[in-house]
Amino acid sequence: MLLLAVATEKEIVPLKHFLAAADGVEILVTGMGPVATAANLSHYLTLHGSRIHAVLNIGVAGAYVNSGIAMLDICLAQQEFLGDFGICMQDNIQDFDPGLLKTHDPLLLNNELLTGFETIINKHGIACTIANFVTVNCCTGTTKRGDFLREKFAAGCENMEGAAVVMVCKKFNLPCLEMRCVSNMVEDRHAAAWQLAEAIEKICRVVEIVLPDHLQKRSK
């Protein structure tokens, strides 16, 4: 089984009919943010992890200005960073003293799963960008903070759940993949310019196109 993890019900509404007929897919609405995601995904995998072969985290994202990523682009994560874990200053976020922390493994996403989905996406002629993602507890509301995060992590976009999914999947020894569609640019907050509904429609359409190929490959 492939577990499709999504932050909100709203982000999978366009997939309802497809998923109702799909064989080999389970759905988990994790809730928004890294804490809810870690708690709910851990609970689900504790109960049902023996039948899950991989986790696909989908949803929307905010793209950093000057990252080369534009509105409604499809993005795949190659690495996740905890963007606001540290000391929050007026203009930046400082890292904790390394002596306070144990070394953590990089939050790299499974290369085989990433490569497999990239191949399927390309086969269907869908444009996508592979980039570093940043997971934040607070959605970035200024261009200045977005520029800081883009530069600090060499990142393309941000979200609120991805790093939690990667960390939990590592604990359960499960491969995972994160795929998102850009709903907004990370700039001085202007929600009227967002294309949230369009981004949800697009990410769901892409999932509906590429998921059957992945499941078919798994069944061989």
N, C-alpha and C. Protein backbone atom coordinates (compact mmCIF):
# COMPACT_ATOMS: atom_id res chain seq x y z
N MET A 1 0.83 -1.20 0.00
CA MET A 1 0.00 0.00 0.00
C MET A 1 0.87 1.26 0.00
N LEU A 2 0.45 2.24 -0.76
CA LEU A 2 1.04 3.56 -0.72
C LEU A 2 0.18 4.44 0.17
N LEU A 3 0.80 5.12 1.13
CA LEU A 3 0.05 6.03 1.98
C LEU A 3 0.17 7.44 1.43
N LEU A 4 -0.95 8.03 1.11
CA LEU A 4 -1.01 9.40 0.62
C LEU A 4 -1.29 10.29 1.83
N ALA A 5 -0.29 11.11 2.21
CA ALA A 5 -0.40 11.97 3.38
C ALA A 5 -0.61 13.42 2.93
N VAL A 6 -1.62 14.06 3.47
CA VAL A 6 -1.97 15.41 3.07
C VAL A 6 -2.41 16.19 4.31
N ALA A 7 -2.11 17.49 4.33
CA ALA A 7 -2.38 18.27 5.54
C ALA A 7 -3.86 18.48 5.80
N THR A 8 -4.64 18.73 4.76
CA THR A 8 -6.05 19.07 4.94
C THR A 8 -6.94 18.31 3.96
N GLU A 9 -8.17 18.10 4.34
CA GLU A 9 -9.15 17.46 3.46
C GLU A 9 -9.30 18.23 2.15
N LYS A 10 -9.23 19.54 2.25
CA LYS A 10 -9.43 20.39 1.09
C LYS A 10 -8.45 20.07 -0.03
N GLU A 11 -7.24 19.64 0.35
CA GLU A 11 -6.21 19.41 -0.66
C GLU A 11 -6.37 18.10 -1.42
N ILE A 12 -7.33 17.28 -1.06
CA ILE A 12 -7.57 16.05 -1.83
C ILE A 12 -9.00 15.95 -2.36
N VAL A 13 -9.79 17.00 -2.21
CA VAL A 13 -11.17 16.95 -2.72
C VAL A 13 -11.22 16.57 -4.20
N PRO A 14 -10.38 17.14 -5.06
CA PRO A 14 -10.44 16.76 -6.49
C PRO A 14 -10.06 15.31 -6.76
N LEU A 15 -9.46 14.64 -5.77
CA LEU A 15 -9.03 13.24 -5.95
C LEU A 15 -10.04 12.23 -5.43
N LYS A 16 -11.15 12.68 -4.87
CA LYS A 16 -12.07 11.77 -4.18
C LYS A 16 -12.53 10.61 -5.06
N HIS A 17 -12.98 10.91 -6.27
CA HIS A 17 -13.49 9.84 -7.15
C HIS A 17 -12.37 8.90 -7.57
N PHE A 18 -11.21 9.44 -7.88
CA PHE A 18 -10.08 8.61 -8.27
C PHE A 18 -9.67 7.68 -7.14
N LEU A 19 -9.54 8.22 -5.94
CA LEU A 19 -9.08 7.42 -4.81
C LEU A 19 -10.11 6.38 -4.39
N ALA A 20 -11.37 6.67 -4.60
CA ALA A 20 -12.41 5.70 -4.25
C ALA A 20 -12.29 4.43 -5.08
N ALA A 21 -11.76 4.59 -6.29
CA ALA A 21 -11.63 3.43 -7.18
C ALA A 21 -10.21 2.87 -7.21
N ALA A 22 -9.26 3.59 -6.62
CA ALA A 22 -7.86 3.18 -6.69
C ALA A 22 -7.59 2.01 -5.74
N ASP A 23 -6.83 1.06 -6.23
CA ASP A 23 -6.44 -0.09 -5.43
C ASP A 23 -4.98 0.09 -5.02
N GLY A 24 -4.70 -0.06 -3.75
CA GLY A 24 -3.32 0.03 -3.30
C GLY A 24 -2.95 1.38 -2.72
N VAL A 25 -3.96 2.21 -2.40
CA VAL A 25 -3.69 3.54 -1.84
C VAL A 25 -4.52 3.74 -0.57
N GLU A 26 -3.87 4.23 0.48
CA GLU A 26 -4.56 4.65 1.68
C GLU A 26 -4.32 6.15 1.88
N ILE A 27 -5.21 6.80 2.60
CA ILE A 27 -5.15 8.25 2.78
C ILE A 27 -5.06 8.59 4.25
N LEU A 28 -4.20 9.55 4.57
CA LEU A 28 -4.13 10.09 5.92
C LEU A 28 -4.12 11.61 5.84
N VAL A 29 -5.12 12.23 6.46
CA VAL A 29 -5.11 13.68 6.62
C VAL A 29 -4.38 13.96 7.93
N THR A 30 -3.20 14.54 7.83
CA THR A 30 -2.32 14.67 8.99
C THR A 30 -2.65 15.86 9.88
N GLY A 31 -3.33 16.87 9.33
CA GLY A 31 -3.45 18.14 10.01
C GLY A 31 -2.29 19.04 9.61
N MET A 32 -2.45 20.34 9.83
CA MET A 32 -1.43 21.30 9.41
C MET A 32 -0.31 21.40 10.43
N GLY A 33 0.90 21.59 9.93
CA GLY A 33 2.05 21.84 10.78
C GLY A 33 2.82 20.59 11.14
N PRO A 34 4.08 20.75 11.53
CA PRO A 34 4.93 19.60 11.81
C PRO A 34 4.54 18.79 13.03
N VAL A 35 3.98 19.43 14.06
CA VAL A 35 3.63 18.69 15.27
C VAL A 35 2.46 17.75 15.01
N ALA A 36 1.37 18.29 14.43
CA ALA A 36 0.21 17.44 14.11
C ALA A 36 0.60 16.34 13.14
N THR A 37 1.43 16.69 12.16
CA THR A 37 1.84 15.70 11.17
C THR A 37 2.64 14.57 11.79
N ALA A 38 3.62 14.92 12.62
CA ALA A 38 4.44 13.89 13.27
C ALA A 38 3.59 13.00 14.17
N ALA A 39 2.69 13.60 14.94
CA ALA A 39 1.86 12.82 15.87
C ALA A 39 0.92 11.88 15.12
N ASN A 40 0.22 12.41 14.13
CA ASN A 40 -0.79 11.60 13.43
C ASN A 40 -0.18 10.57 12.50
N LEU A 41 0.93 10.92 11.84
CA LEU A 41 1.58 9.94 10.97
C LEU A 41 2.21 8.83 11.80
N SER A 42 2.84 9.17 12.91
CA SER A 42 3.42 8.14 13.78
C SER A 42 2.35 7.18 14.30
N HIS A 43 1.22 7.75 14.72
CA HIS A 43 0.13 6.92 15.22
C HIS A 43 -0.38 5.98 14.13
N TYR A 44 -0.56 6.52 12.92
CA TYR A 44 -1.08 5.71 11.82
C TYR A 44 -0.11 4.57 11.48
N LEU A 45 1.17 4.89 11.38
CA LEU A 45 2.14 3.87 10.99
C LEU A 45 2.36 2.85 12.09
N THR A 46 2.19 3.24 13.33
CA THR A 46 2.27 2.28 14.42
C THR A 46 1.17 1.23 14.28
N LEU A 47 -0.01 1.66 13.87
CA LEU A 47 -1.14 0.74 13.72
C LEU A 47 -1.12 -0.02 12.39
N HIS A 48 -0.70 0.66 11.32
CA HIS A 48 -0.88 0.10 9.98
C HIS A 48 0.40 0.03 9.14
N GLY A 49 1.53 0.36 9.73
CA GLY A 49 2.76 0.47 8.96
C GLY A 49 3.19 -0.81 8.27
N SER A 50 2.78 -1.96 8.77
CA SER A 50 3.22 -3.22 8.18
C SER A 50 2.71 -3.41 6.76
N ARG A 51 1.64 -2.70 6.39
CA ARG A 51 1.12 -2.87 5.03
C ARG A 51 1.46 -1.68 4.11
N ILE A 52 2.23 -0.72 4.62
CA ILE A 52 2.59 0.46 3.84
C ILE A 52 3.99 0.28 3.25
N HIS A 53 4.14 0.48 1.95
CA HIS A 53 5.46 0.34 1.33
C HIS A 53 6.15 1.69 1.14
N ALA A 54 5.39 2.79 1.13
CA ALA A 54 5.97 4.12 0.94
C ALA A 54 4.93 5.17 1.31
N VAL A 55 5.41 6.38 1.56
CA VAL A 55 4.53 7.50 1.89
C VAL A 55 4.74 8.61 0.86
N LEU A 56 3.65 9.08 0.30
CA LEU A 56 3.69 10.21 -0.63
C LEU A 56 2.98 11.39 0.03
N ASN A 57 3.75 12.44 0.30
CA ASN A 57 3.22 13.65 0.92
C ASN A 57 2.93 14.67 -0.18
N ILE A 58 1.66 15.05 -0.34
CA ILE A 58 1.30 16.01 -1.37
C ILE A 58 0.65 17.24 -0.75
N GLY A 59 0.56 18.30 -1.54
CA GLY A 59 -0.09 19.51 -1.07
C GLY A 59 0.37 20.72 -1.84
N VAL A 60 0.24 21.88 -1.23
CA VAL A 60 0.64 23.13 -1.85
C VAL A 60 1.88 23.67 -1.14
N ALA A 61 2.49 24.67 -1.75
CA ALA A 61 3.71 25.25 -1.19
C ALA A 61 3.81 26.71 -1.60
N GLY A 62 4.65 27.44 -0.87
CA GLY A 62 4.99 28.79 -1.24
C GLY A 62 6.38 28.81 -1.83
N ALA A 63 6.54 29.41 -3.01
CA ALA A 63 7.85 29.45 -3.67
C ALA A 63 8.58 30.74 -3.32
N TYR A 64 9.87 30.62 -3.08
CA TYR A 64 10.68 31.79 -2.77
C TYR A 64 10.95 32.61 -4.02
N VAL A 65 10.87 33.92 -3.87
CA VAL A 65 11.18 34.83 -4.96
C VAL A 65 12.64 34.64 -5.38
N ASN A 66 12.91 34.68 -6.68
CA ASN A 66 14.26 34.50 -7.25
C ASN A 66 14.82 33.10 -7.05
N SER A 67 13.94 32.13 -6.82
CA SER A 67 14.38 30.74 -6.70
C SER A 67 14.33 30.01 -8.04
N GLY A 68 13.73 30.64 -9.03
CA GLY A 68 13.54 29.97 -10.33
C GLY A 68 12.26 29.17 -10.39
N ILE A 69 11.47 29.20 -9.31
CA ILE A 69 10.20 28.48 -9.25
C ILE A 69 9.07 29.50 -9.31
N ALA A 70 8.03 29.17 -10.09
CA ALA A 70 6.94 30.12 -10.33
C ALA A 70 5.61 29.56 -9.85
N MET A 71 4.62 30.42 -9.86
CA MET A 71 3.26 30.05 -9.46
C MET A 71 2.78 28.84 -10.27
N LEU A 72 2.20 27.87 -9.57
CA LEU A 72 1.61 26.65 -10.12
C LEU A 72 2.63 25.66 -10.67
N ASP A 73 3.92 25.87 -10.37
CA ASP A 73 4.92 24.87 -10.73
C ASP A 73 4.75 23.63 -9.83
N ILE A 74 5.05 22.47 -10.39
CA ILE A 74 5.10 21.22 -9.63
C ILE A 74 6.53 21.03 -9.14
N CYS A 75 6.69 20.75 -7.85
CA CYS A 75 8.01 20.61 -7.25
C CYS A 75 8.13 19.30 -6.49
N LEU A 76 9.29 18.68 -6.60
CA LEU A 76 9.63 17.49 -5.82
C LEU A 76 10.76 17.85 -4.87
N ALA A 77 10.67 17.39 -3.63
CA ALA A 77 11.70 17.71 -2.63
C ALA A 77 12.85 16.73 -2.73
N GLN A 78 14.07 17.27 -2.72
CA GLN A 78 15.24 16.40 -2.62
C GLN A 78 15.81 16.40 -1.20
N GLN A 79 15.50 17.45 -0.43
CA GLN A 79 15.92 17.54 0.96
C GLN A 79 15.01 18.52 1.69
N GLU A 80 14.75 18.22 2.96
CA GLU A 80 13.93 19.09 3.79
C GLU A 80 14.78 19.72 4.89
N PHE A 81 14.47 20.95 5.23
CA PHE A 81 15.14 21.66 6.32
C PHE A 81 14.10 22.20 7.29
N LEU A 82 14.46 22.21 8.57
CA LEU A 82 13.62 22.84 9.59
C LEU A 82 13.96 24.34 9.61
N GLY A 83 13.14 25.13 8.96
CA GLY A 83 13.49 26.51 8.68
C GLY A 83 13.49 27.44 9.87
N ASP A 84 12.57 27.23 10.82
CA ASP A 84 12.51 28.16 11.95
C ASP A 84 12.81 27.46 13.28
N PHE A 85 13.66 26.46 13.21
CA PHE A 85 14.15 25.79 14.41
C PHE A 85 15.45 26.46 14.81
N GLY A 86 15.42 27.25 15.88
CA GLY A 86 16.61 27.98 16.29
C GLY A 86 16.22 29.17 17.14
N ILE A 87 17.00 30.22 17.04
CA ILE A 87 16.77 31.44 17.81
C ILE A 87 16.22 32.49 16.86
N CYS A 88 14.98 32.90 17.08
CA CYS A 88 14.32 33.83 16.18
C CYS A 88 14.72 35.26 16.51
N MET A 89 15.43 35.90 15.60
CA MET A 89 15.85 37.28 15.75
C MET A 89 14.96 38.16 14.86
N GLN A 90 15.18 39.44 14.92
CA GLN A 90 14.33 40.34 14.15
C GLN A 90 14.45 40.09 12.64
N ASP A 91 15.67 39.87 12.17
CA ASP A 91 15.88 39.76 10.73
C ASP A 91 16.32 38.37 10.28
N ASN A 92 16.57 37.48 11.21
CA ASN A 92 17.03 36.15 10.80
C ASN A 92 16.75 35.13 11.89
N ILE A 93 17.15 33.91 11.63
CA ILE A 93 17.03 32.82 12.60
C ILE A 93 18.42 32.25 12.82
N GLN A 94 18.91 32.34 14.02
CA GLN A 94 20.24 31.85 14.33
C GLN A 94 20.16 30.39 14.77
N ASP A 95 21.16 29.63 14.38
CA ASP A 95 21.23 28.23 14.79
C ASP A 95 21.59 28.15 16.27
N PHE A 96 21.13 27.07 16.91
CA PHE A 96 21.54 26.80 18.28
C PHE A 96 23.03 26.43 18.30
N ASP A 97 23.65 26.59 19.44
CA ASP A 97 25.02 26.14 19.64
C ASP A 97 25.07 24.64 19.35
N PRO A 98 25.97 24.19 18.46
CA PRO A 98 26.03 22.75 18.14
C PRO A 98 26.22 21.88 19.37
N GLY A 99 26.82 22.43 20.43
CA GLY A 99 27.02 21.65 21.64
C GLY A 99 25.74 21.30 22.35
N LEU A 100 24.64 21.99 22.02
CA LEU A 100 23.36 21.71 22.64
C LEU A 100 22.61 20.57 21.95
N LEU A 101 23.04 20.23 20.76
CA LEU A 101 22.28 19.29 19.93
C LEU A 101 23.09 18.06 19.56
N LYS A 102 22.43 16.93 19.49
CA LYS A 102 23.03 15.76 18.90
C LYS A 102 22.98 15.91 17.39
N THR A 103 23.92 15.30 16.71
CA THR A 103 23.94 15.37 15.26
C THR A 103 22.74 14.64 14.68
N HIS A 104 22.05 15.30 13.75
CA HIS A 104 20.91 14.68 13.09
C HIS A 104 21.29 14.29 11.67
N ASP A 105 20.73 13.19 11.20
CA ASP A 105 20.94 12.82 9.80
C ASP A 105 20.28 13.87 8.91
N PRO A 106 20.86 14.14 7.75
CA PRO A 106 20.21 15.06 6.81
C PRO A 106 18.82 14.54 6.44
N LEU A 107 17.88 15.44 6.26
CA LEU A 107 16.52 15.04 5.90
C LEU A 107 16.42 14.88 4.40
N LEU A 108 17.14 13.86 3.91
CA LEU A 108 17.14 13.55 2.48
C LEU A 108 15.95 12.67 2.15
N LEU A 109 15.37 12.89 0.99
CA LEU A 109 14.27 12.03 0.57
C LEU A 109 14.82 10.85 -0.22
N ASN A 110 14.10 9.76 -0.19
CA ASN A 110 14.56 8.51 -0.80
C ASN A 110 14.89 8.70 -2.27
N ASN A 111 16.13 8.45 -2.64
CA ASN A 111 16.56 8.70 -4.02
C ASN A 111 15.85 7.81 -5.02
N GLU A 112 15.63 6.54 -4.69
CA GLU A 112 14.99 5.61 -5.61
C GLU A 112 13.54 6.01 -5.88
N LEU A 113 12.83 6.39 -4.83
CA LEU A 113 11.44 6.80 -5.00
C LEU A 113 11.36 8.12 -5.76
N LEU A 114 12.24 9.03 -5.43
CA LEU A 114 12.28 10.32 -6.13
C LEU A 114 12.59 10.12 -7.60
N THR A 115 13.58 9.29 -7.89
CA THR A 115 13.95 9.03 -9.29
C THR A 115 12.81 8.36 -10.03
N GLY A 116 12.13 7.43 -9.36
CA GLY A 116 11.03 6.72 -10.01
C GLY A 116 9.88 7.64 -10.38
N PHE A 117 9.49 8.50 -9.45
CA PHE A 117 8.39 9.42 -9.73
C PHE A 117 8.81 10.49 -10.75
N GLU A 118 10.06 10.92 -10.69
CA GLU A 118 10.53 11.89 -11.68
C GLU A 118 10.45 11.30 -13.09
N THR A 119 10.82 10.04 -13.20
CA THR A 119 10.75 9.37 -14.51
C THR A 119 9.31 9.28 -15.01
N ILE A 120 8.39 8.93 -14.13
CA ILE A 120 6.98 8.84 -14.51
C ILE A 120 6.44 10.21 -14.91
N ILE A 121 6.76 11.22 -14.13
CA ILE A 121 6.30 12.58 -14.42
C ILE A 121 6.81 13.05 -15.78
N ASN A 122 8.10 12.80 -16.04
CA ASN A 122 8.68 13.20 -17.33
C ASN A 122 8.04 12.44 -18.48
N LYS A 123 7.73 11.17 -18.25
CA LYS A 123 7.11 10.35 -19.30
C LYS A 123 5.78 10.93 -19.74
N HIS A 124 5.08 11.53 -18.81
CA HIS A 124 3.78 12.13 -19.12
C HIS A 124 3.89 13.59 -19.56
N GLY A 125 5.11 14.06 -19.74
CA GLY A 125 5.31 15.41 -20.24
C GLY A 125 4.94 16.51 -19.26
N ILE A 126 5.02 16.21 -17.97
CA ILE A 126 4.68 17.19 -16.93
C ILE A 126 5.97 17.86 -16.45
N ALA A 127 6.00 19.17 -16.50
CA ALA A 127 7.18 19.90 -16.03
C ALA A 127 7.24 19.88 -14.51
N CYS A 128 8.42 19.61 -13.97
CA CYS A 128 8.58 19.64 -12.51
C CYS A 128 9.99 20.09 -12.16
N THR A 129 10.13 20.60 -10.97
CA THR A 129 11.43 21.07 -10.48
C THR A 129 11.77 20.30 -9.21
N ILE A 130 13.00 19.82 -9.13
CA ILE A 130 13.49 19.18 -7.91
C ILE A 130 14.26 20.23 -7.12
N ALA A 131 13.90 20.41 -5.86
CA ALA A 131 14.47 21.51 -5.07
C ALA A 131 14.56 21.15 -3.60
N ASN A 132 15.33 21.91 -2.87
CA ASN A 132 15.31 21.84 -1.41
C ASN A 132 14.05 22.53 -0.91
N PHE A 133 13.39 21.90 0.07
CA PHE A 133 12.20 22.47 0.68
C PHE A 133 12.53 22.89 2.11
N VAL A 134 11.81 23.87 2.60
CA VAL A 134 11.95 24.32 3.98
C VAL A 134 10.61 24.12 4.70
N THR A 135 10.64 23.46 5.84
CA THR A 135 9.44 23.30 6.66
C THR A 135 9.44 24.35 7.76
N VAL A 136 8.34 25.07 7.87
CA VAL A 136 8.22 26.15 8.86
C VAL A 136 6.99 25.90 9.75
N ASN A 137 7.05 26.40 10.96
CA ASN A 137 5.90 26.38 11.85
C ASN A 137 4.97 27.55 11.56
N CYS A 138 5.56 28.67 11.14
CA CYS A 138 4.79 29.86 10.80
C CYS A 138 5.01 30.17 9.33
N CYS A 139 3.94 30.23 8.57
CA CYS A 139 4.03 30.58 7.16
C CYS A 139 4.73 31.93 7.01
N THR A 140 5.74 32.00 6.16
CA THR A 140 6.52 33.23 6.00
C THR A 140 5.67 34.33 5.38
N GLY A 141 5.67 35.51 6.03
CA GLY A 141 4.79 36.59 5.60
C GLY A 141 5.48 37.80 5.03
N THR A 142 6.81 37.73 4.84
CA THR A 142 7.52 38.87 4.26
C THR A 142 8.54 38.41 3.24
N THR A 143 8.79 39.26 2.26
CA THR A 143 9.81 38.95 1.25
C THR A 143 11.18 38.81 1.91
N LYS A 144 11.45 39.67 2.89
CA LYS A 144 12.76 39.66 3.53
C LYS A 144 13.03 38.33 4.22
N ARG A 145 12.06 37.82 4.96
CA ARG A 145 12.24 36.52 5.63
C ARG A 145 12.34 35.41 4.58
N GLY A 146 11.55 35.50 3.53
CA GLY A 146 11.64 34.50 2.47
C GLY A 146 13.00 34.48 1.81
N ASP A 147 13.56 35.65 1.55
CA ASP A 147 14.90 35.73 0.96
C ASP A 147 15.94 35.11 1.89
N PHE A 148 15.79 35.36 3.19
CA PHE A 148 16.72 34.79 4.16
C PHE A 148 16.68 33.26 4.13
N LEU A 149 15.47 32.69 4.13
CA LEU A 149 15.35 31.23 4.13
C LEU A 149 15.83 30.63 2.81
N ARG A 150 15.54 31.29 1.71
CA ARG A 150 16.01 30.80 0.41
C ARG A 150 17.53 30.73 0.38
N GLU A 151 18.18 31.77 0.86
CA GLU A 151 19.63 31.82 0.83
C GLU A 151 20.26 30.87 1.85
N LYS A 152 19.68 30.81 3.04
CA LYS A 152 20.25 29.96 4.10
C LYS A 152 20.24 28.48 3.71
N PHE A 153 19.16 28.04 3.05
CA PHE A 153 19.02 26.62 2.76
C PHE A 153 19.12 26.29 1.26
N ALA A 154 19.47 27.27 0.44
CA ALA A 154 19.52 27.07 -1.01
C ALA A 154 18.22 26.41 -1.47
N ALA A 155 17.11 26.98 -1.00
CA ALA A 155 15.81 26.33 -1.14
C ALA A 155 14.95 26.98 -2.22
N GLY A 156 13.97 26.20 -2.68
CA GLY A 156 13.04 26.68 -3.68
C GLY A 156 11.68 27.06 -3.13
N CYS A 157 11.24 26.36 -2.09
CA CYS A 157 9.90 26.63 -1.59
C CYS A 157 9.77 26.17 -0.14
N GLU A 158 8.65 26.53 0.48
CA GLU A 158 8.41 26.17 1.87
C GLU A 158 7.04 25.55 2.06
N ASN A 159 6.92 24.81 3.15
CA ASN A 159 5.68 24.14 3.50
C ASN A 159 5.65 24.00 5.01
N MET A 160 4.66 23.28 5.54
CA MET A 160 4.55 23.16 7.00
C MET A 160 4.52 21.72 7.51
N GLU A 161 4.76 20.74 6.63
CA GLU A 161 4.65 19.35 7.07
C GLU A 161 5.81 18.44 6.63
N GLY A 162 6.51 18.81 5.58
CA GLY A 162 7.43 17.88 4.92
C GLY A 162 8.51 17.29 5.80
N ALA A 163 9.18 18.13 6.59
CA ALA A 163 10.27 17.61 7.42
C ALA A 163 9.75 16.58 8.42
N ALA A 164 8.55 16.81 8.95
CA ALA A 164 7.97 15.85 9.90
C ALA A 164 7.72 14.51 9.22
N VAL A 165 7.22 14.55 7.99
CA VAL A 165 6.99 13.30 7.26
C VAL A 165 8.30 12.54 7.06
N VAL A 166 9.35 13.25 6.66
CA VAL A 166 10.64 12.61 6.43
C VAL A 166 11.19 12.00 7.72
N MET A 167 11.12 12.73 8.81
CA MET A 167 11.66 12.23 10.08
C MET A 167 10.91 11.01 10.57
N VAL A 168 9.58 11.03 10.47
CA VAL A 168 8.79 9.88 10.91
C VAL A 168 9.07 8.67 10.02
N CYS A 169 9.13 8.87 8.72
CA CYS A 169 9.37 7.75 7.80
C CYS A 169 10.74 7.12 8.04
N LYS A 170 11.73 7.94 8.40
CA LYS A 170 13.04 7.38 8.73
C LYS A 170 12.94 6.45 9.94
N LYS A 171 12.15 6.85 10.93
CA LYS A 171 11.98 6.03 12.13
C LYS A 171 11.31 4.69 11.81
N PHE A 172 10.41 4.72 10.82
CA PHE A 172 9.68 3.51 10.44
C PHE A 172 10.34 2.79 9.25
N ASN A 173 11.49 3.28 8.84
CA ASN A 173 12.24 2.67 7.73
C ASN A 173 11.41 2.58 6.46
N LEU A 174 10.69 3.67 6.17
CA LEU A 174 9.85 3.73 4.98
C LEU A 174 10.35 4.82 4.04
N PRO A 175 10.41 4.53 2.74
CA PRO A 175 10.73 5.60 1.80
C PRO A 175 9.58 6.59 1.70
N CYS A 176 9.91 7.84 1.45
CA CYS A 176 8.86 8.83 1.28
C CYS A 176 9.23 9.79 0.16
N LEU A 177 8.23 10.45 -0.35
CA LEU A 177 8.41 11.43 -1.40
C LEU A 177 7.48 12.60 -1.11
N GLU A 178 7.94 13.82 -1.40
CA GLU A 178 7.11 15.01 -1.22
C GLU A 178 6.94 15.70 -2.56
N MET A 179 5.69 15.93 -2.92
CA MET A 179 5.36 16.56 -4.21
C MET A 179 4.32 17.64 -3.96
N ARG A 180 4.62 18.86 -4.39
CA ARG A 180 3.73 19.98 -4.11
C ARG A 180 3.58 20.88 -5.34
N CYS A 181 2.49 21.63 -5.32
CA CYS A 181 2.26 22.63 -6.36
C CYS A 181 2.28 24.02 -5.71
N VAL A 182 2.91 24.95 -6.36
CA VAL A 182 3.07 26.30 -5.80
C VAL A 182 1.75 27.07 -5.87
N SER A 183 1.27 27.46 -4.70
CA SER A 183 0.02 28.22 -4.62
C SER A 183 0.26 29.70 -4.43
N ASN A 184 1.48 30.07 -4.04
CA ASN A 184 1.78 31.48 -3.77
C ASN A 184 3.28 31.71 -3.77
N MET A 185 3.65 32.94 -4.00
CA MET A 185 5.04 33.35 -3.86
C MET A 185 5.24 33.82 -2.42
N VAL A 186 6.43 33.57 -1.88
CA VAL A 186 6.74 33.99 -0.51
C VAL A 186 7.24 35.44 -0.58
N GLU A 187 6.33 36.34 -0.31
CA GLU A 187 6.61 37.77 -0.41
C GLU A 187 5.79 38.49 0.66
N ASP A 188 5.86 39.81 0.71
CA ASP A 188 5.02 40.53 1.65
C ASP A 188 3.58 40.07 1.44
N ARG A 189 2.98 39.56 2.49
CA ARG A 189 1.75 38.77 2.39
C ARG A 189 0.64 39.50 1.63
N HIS A 190 0.16 38.83 0.58
CA HIS A 190 -0.90 39.37 -0.28
C HIS A 190 -1.76 38.20 -0.73
N ALA A 191 -2.61 37.73 0.18
CA ALA A 191 -3.38 36.50 -0.04
C ALA A 191 -4.29 36.58 -1.26
N ALA A 192 -4.68 37.79 -1.65
CA ALA A 192 -5.56 37.93 -2.82
C ALA A 192 -4.87 37.46 -4.10
N ALA A 193 -3.54 37.43 -4.10
CA ALA A 193 -2.79 37.01 -5.29
C ALA A 193 -2.54 35.51 -5.32
N TRP A 194 -2.88 34.82 -4.25
CA TRP A 194 -2.65 33.38 -4.19
C TRP A 194 -3.55 32.65 -5.18
N GLN A 195 -3.08 31.49 -5.62
CA GLN A 195 -3.88 30.63 -6.50
C GLN A 195 -4.03 29.26 -5.83
N LEU A 196 -4.64 29.28 -4.66
CA LEU A 196 -4.75 28.07 -3.85
C LEU A 196 -5.62 27.01 -4.52
N ALA A 197 -6.80 27.40 -4.98
CA ALA A 197 -7.69 26.42 -5.61
C ALA A 197 -7.05 25.82 -6.86
N GLU A 198 -6.39 26.67 -7.64
CA GLU A 198 -5.75 26.18 -8.87
C GLU A 198 -4.59 25.23 -8.55
N ALA A 199 -3.84 25.54 -7.49
CA ALA A 199 -2.72 24.67 -7.10
C ALA A 199 -3.22 23.32 -6.61
N ILE A 200 -4.32 23.32 -5.86
CA ILE A 200 -4.90 22.06 -5.39
C ILE A 200 -5.38 21.22 -6.57
N GLU A 201 -6.06 21.86 -7.50
CA GLU A 201 -6.52 21.14 -8.70
C GLU A 201 -5.34 20.53 -9.46
N LYS A 202 -4.26 21.29 -9.58
CA LYS A 202 -3.14 20.81 -10.39
C LYS A 202 -2.40 19.68 -9.71
N ILE A 203 -2.12 19.79 -8.41
CA ILE A 203 -1.40 18.71 -7.74
C ILE A 203 -2.22 17.43 -7.76
N CYS A 204 -3.53 17.56 -7.60
CA CYS A 204 -4.39 16.37 -7.63
C CYS A 204 -4.43 15.77 -9.04
N ARG A 205 -4.45 16.61 -10.04
CA ARG A 205 -4.44 16.11 -11.41
C ARG A 205 -3.15 15.35 -11.71
N VAL A 206 -2.03 15.88 -11.24
CA VAL A 206 -0.75 15.20 -11.46
C VAL A 206 -0.71 13.86 -10.73
N VAL A 207 -1.18 13.85 -9.49
CA VAL A 207 -1.23 12.59 -8.74
C VAL A 207 -2.09 11.56 -9.48
N GLU A 208 -3.22 11.99 -9.99
CA GLU A 208 -4.12 11.08 -10.71
C GLU A 208 -3.46 10.52 -11.96
N ILE A 209 -2.57 11.30 -12.59
CA ILE A 209 -1.89 10.85 -13.80
C ILE A 209 -0.75 9.89 -13.48
N VAL A 210 0.05 10.20 -12.46
CA VAL A 210 1.28 9.44 -12.25
C VAL A 210 1.14 8.27 -11.29
N LEU A 211 0.17 8.32 -10.39
CA LEU A 211 0.06 7.26 -9.39
C LEU A 211 -0.20 5.88 -10.00
N PRO A 212 -1.08 5.75 -11.01
CA PRO A 212 -1.29 4.41 -11.59
C PRO A 212 -0.01 3.76 -12.11
N ASP A 213 0.90 4.56 -12.68
CA ASP A 213 2.15 3.99 -13.18
C ASP A 213 3.00 3.44 -12.03
N HIS A 214 3.05 4.19 -10.94
CA HIS A 214 3.83 3.72 -9.78
C HIS A 214 3.23 2.43 -9.22
N LEU A 215 1.91 2.39 -9.08
CA LEU A 215 1.27 1.21 -8.52
C LEU A 215 1.41 0.00 -9.45
N GLN A 216 1.34 0.26 -10.74
CA GLN A 216 1.51 -0.83 -11.70
C GLN A 216 2.92 -1.40 -11.62
N LYS A 217 3.90 -0.54 -11.50
CA LYS A 217 5.28 -0.98 -11.38
C LYS A 217 5.47 -1.81 -10.11
N ARG A 218 4.82 -1.39 -9.02
CA ARG A 218 4.93 -2.11 -7.77
C ARG A 218 4.32 -3.51 -7.86
N SER A 219 3.29 -3.66 -8.66
CA SER A 219 2.57 -4.93 -8.73
C SER A 219 3.28 -5.98 -9.59
N LYS A 220 4.27 -5.55 -10.35
CA LYS A 220 4.97 -6.50 -11.23
C LYS A 220 5.94 -7.36 -10.44
